[in-house]
Amino acid sequence: MTTFADSLKKEIARVARKEMREEMGALRKTSLIQRAEIAALKKQLKAVQSQVSKMGRARPEPARTAAPAASSASVVLARGKPGRKVVFTAERLKIQRARLGLTQEQMARLLGVSSLSIWKWESGGATPRASRVPKILQLLALGKREALARVEPEAPPPA
């Protein structure tokens, strides 16, 4: 009976090795795909990190630059609540001025600057000084009637 028992054990081991080989092949294939995906993600992460570091180095200091690009024309100020930020952008100034129904000249009179300054701020050719930003943000927070009421007294009487 030992030959039958030995034959049975050998057959069971052979069948087990065959099934394990198939399962191990599937696991190896899955592992290979996952490793390739991880390598691709690591490559993307490295590229994004290098872009972030380049952007951090290329960002101009507000005190040193005369006229930053239109896309980087934003000044961030802290509000009363901690963690809240108010952002000045050229697009926001233009949209809010249009919403208030003011011309560039009227907006300039309200802020005490030239209409050319308003045009440059809206086009992104220049950014307002940090000392002017709070006044601009206050003006942008006004309603249409209040803004027009402030413009009217400053308008010269008709001759």
Protein backbone atom coordinates (compact mmCIF):
# COMPACT_ATOMS: atom_id res chain seq x y z
CA MET A 1 0.00 0.00 0.00
CA THR A 2 2.94 2.31 0.31
CA THR A 3 3.27 2.64 -3.42
CA PHE A 4 -0.39 3.70 -3.71
CA ALA A 5 -0.02 6.22 -0.83
CA ASP A 6 3.20 7.56 -2.37
CA SER A 7 1.56 7.87 -5.78
CA LEU A 8 -1.44 9.66 -4.26
CA LYS A 9 0.80 12.11 -2.37
CA LYS A 10 2.82 12.83 -5.52
CA GLU A 11 -0.33 13.40 -7.56
CA ILE A 12 -1.80 15.74 -4.93
CA ALA A 13 1.48 17.71 -4.77
CA ARG A 14 1.59 17.96 -8.59
CA VAL A 15 -2.00 19.24 -8.82
CA ALA A 16 -1.37 21.72 -5.97
CA ARG A 17 1.79 23.01 -7.69
CA LYS A 18 -0.13 23.42 -10.96
CA GLU A 19 -2.91 25.43 -9.32
CA MET A 20 -0.48 27.50 -7.29
CA ARG A 21 1.52 28.29 -10.43
CA GLU A 22 -1.60 29.69 -12.13
CA GLU A 23 -2.56 31.77 -9.08
CA MET A 24 1.00 33.00 -8.62
CA GLY A 25 1.10 34.05 -12.28
CA ALA A 26 -2.06 36.13 -11.81
CA LEU A 27 -0.64 37.69 -8.63
CA ARG A 28 2.66 38.47 -10.36
CA LYS A 29 0.80 40.12 -13.23
CA THR A 30 -1.28 42.23 -10.82
CA SER A 31 1.83 43.15 -8.85
CA LEU A 32 3.65 44.18 -12.02
CA ILE A 33 0.75 46.44 -13.10
CA GLN A 34 0.54 48.03 -9.66
CA ARG A 35 4.29 48.66 -9.59
CA ALA A 36 4.09 50.36 -12.98
CA GLU A 37 1.21 52.55 -11.75
CA ILE A 38 3.15 53.47 -8.62
CA ALA A 39 6.19 54.40 -10.71
CA ALA A 40 4.02 56.60 -12.95
CA LEU A 41 2.44 58.30 -9.94
CA LYS A 42 5.86 58.92 -8.40
CA LYS A 43 6.98 60.49 -11.67
CA GLN A 44 3.93 62.76 -11.74
CA LEU A 45 4.42 63.73 -8.11
CA LYS A 46 8.04 64.65 -8.76
CA ALA A 47 7.03 66.79 -11.76
CA VAL A 48 4.33 68.59 -9.76
CA GLN A 49 6.72 69.19 -6.86
CA SER A 50 9.30 70.67 -9.21
CA GLN A 51 6.65 72.95 -10.75
CA VAL A 52 5.56 74.09 -7.31
CA SER A 53 9.12 74.86 -6.29
CA LYS A 54 9.70 76.76 -9.55
CA MET A 55 6.53 78.78 -9.00
CA GLY A 56 7.58 79.52 -5.44
CA ARG A 57 10.95 80.79 -6.60
CA ALA A 58 9.53 82.72 -9.55
CA ARG A 59 6.84 84.52 -7.52
CA PRO A 60 7.87 88.18 -7.33
CA GLU A 61 7.97 90.01 -4.04
CA PRO A 62 5.30 92.77 -3.92
CA ALA A 63 7.74 95.42 -2.62
CA ARG A 64 10.32 94.76 -5.35
CA THR A 65 8.25 94.55 -8.54
CA ALA A 66 6.82 97.42 -10.50
CA ALA A 67 4.24 95.61 -12.68
CA PRO A 68 3.55 91.89 -12.23
CA ALA A 69 1.82 89.83 -14.91
CA ALA A 70 -1.97 89.83 -15.22
CA SER A 71 -2.36 86.28 -13.93
CA SER A 72 -0.35 86.99 -10.80
CA ALA A 73 -2.07 90.29 -10.08
CA SER A 74 -3.45 89.47 -6.69
CA VAL A 75 -2.85 90.89 -3.27
CA VAL A 76 -4.00 88.99 -0.21
CA LEU A 77 -5.06 90.75 2.97
CA ALA A 78 -6.22 89.30 6.26
CA ARG A 79 -9.71 90.21 7.46
CA GLY A 80 -10.97 90.46 11.00
CA LYS A 81 -11.58 86.72 11.36
CA PRO A 82 -8.46 84.56 11.57
CA GLY A 83 -8.04 82.27 8.60
CA ARG A 84 -10.24 84.36 6.30
CA LYS A 85 -8.53 85.98 3.33
CA VAL A 86 -9.76 88.67 0.96
CA VAL A 87 -8.18 88.60 -2.46
CA PHE A 88 -7.86 91.55 -4.83
CA THR A 89 -7.90 90.50 -8.47
CA ALA A 90 -8.11 92.49 -11.67
CA GLU A 91 -11.13 90.49 -12.84
CA ARG A 92 -13.02 91.12 -9.61
CA LEU A 93 -12.40 94.88 -9.83
CA LYS A 94 -13.67 94.99 -13.40
CA ILE A 95 -16.77 92.88 -12.67
CA GLN A 96 -17.67 94.81 -9.52
CA ARG A 97 -17.21 98.18 -11.24
CA ALA A 98 -19.56 97.04 -14.00
CA ARG A 99 -22.03 95.74 -11.40
CA LEU A 100 -21.99 99.11 -9.64
CA GLY A 101 -22.59 100.85 -12.96
CA LEU A 102 -19.52 103.07 -12.63
CA THR A 103 -17.18 104.24 -15.33
CA GLN A 104 -13.45 103.96 -14.85
CA GLU A 105 -13.35 107.71 -14.32
CA GLN A 106 -16.01 107.59 -11.60
CA MET A 107 -14.26 104.70 -9.88
CA ALA A 108 -11.00 106.63 -10.04
CA ARG A 109 -12.63 109.67 -8.38
CA LEU A 110 -14.03 107.51 -5.59
CA LEU A 111 -10.62 105.98 -4.92
CA GLY A 112 -8.62 109.18 -5.40
CA VAL A 113 -6.51 107.85 -8.27
CA SER A 114 -6.34 108.46 -12.00
CA SER A 115 -8.57 106.64 -14.47
CA LEU A 116 -5.39 105.30 -16.07
CA SER A 117 -4.60 103.54 -12.79
CA ILE A 118 -8.03 101.90 -12.82
CA TRP A 119 -7.49 100.78 -16.41
CA LYS A 120 -4.06 99.32 -15.55
CA TRP A 121 -5.43 97.51 -12.49
CA GLU A 122 -8.31 96.02 -14.49
CA SER A 123 -6.12 94.95 -17.38
CA GLY A 124 -3.57 93.42 -15.02
CA GLY A 125 -0.78 95.73 -16.13
CA ALA A 126 -0.26 96.91 -12.56
CA THR A 127 -1.46 96.16 -9.06
CA PRO A 128 -2.54 98.74 -6.55
CA ARG A 129 -0.30 99.53 -3.63
CA ALA A 130 -0.99 97.58 -0.47
CA SER A 131 -2.12 100.79 1.24
CA ARG A 132 -4.88 101.26 -1.40
CA VAL A 133 -6.22 97.70 -1.37
CA PRO A 134 -8.38 98.03 1.79
CA LYS A 135 -10.12 101.12 0.35
CA ILE A 136 -10.69 99.32 -2.95
CA LEU A 137 -12.14 96.30 -1.18
CA GLN A 138 -14.45 98.54 0.88
CA LEU A 139 -15.65 100.24 -2.30
CA LEU A 140 -16.28 96.89 -3.97
CA ALA A 141 -18.43 95.86 -1.02
CA LEU A 142 -20.79 98.83 -1.52
CA GLY A 143 -24.19 98.56 -3.11
CA LYS A 144 -25.02 100.24 -6.40
CA ARG A 145 -27.09 103.06 -4.86
CA GLU A 146 -24.52 103.88 -2.21
CA ALA A 147 -21.68 103.94 -4.76
CA LEU A 148 -23.64 106.24 -7.09
CA ALA A 149 -24.54 108.48 -4.15
CA ARG A 150 -20.86 108.86 -3.34
CA VAL A 151 -20.05 109.72 -6.96
CA GLU A 152 -22.80 112.35 -7.39
CA PRO A 153 -21.60 114.91 -4.79
CA GLU A 154 -18.13 114.84 -6.33
CA ALA A 155 -19.45 115.51 -9.84
CA PRO A 156 -19.05 119.16 -10.90
CA PRO A 157 -22.30 121.12 -11.38
CA PRO A 158 -23.36 121.65 -15.00
CA ALA A 159 -22.31 124.99 -16.48
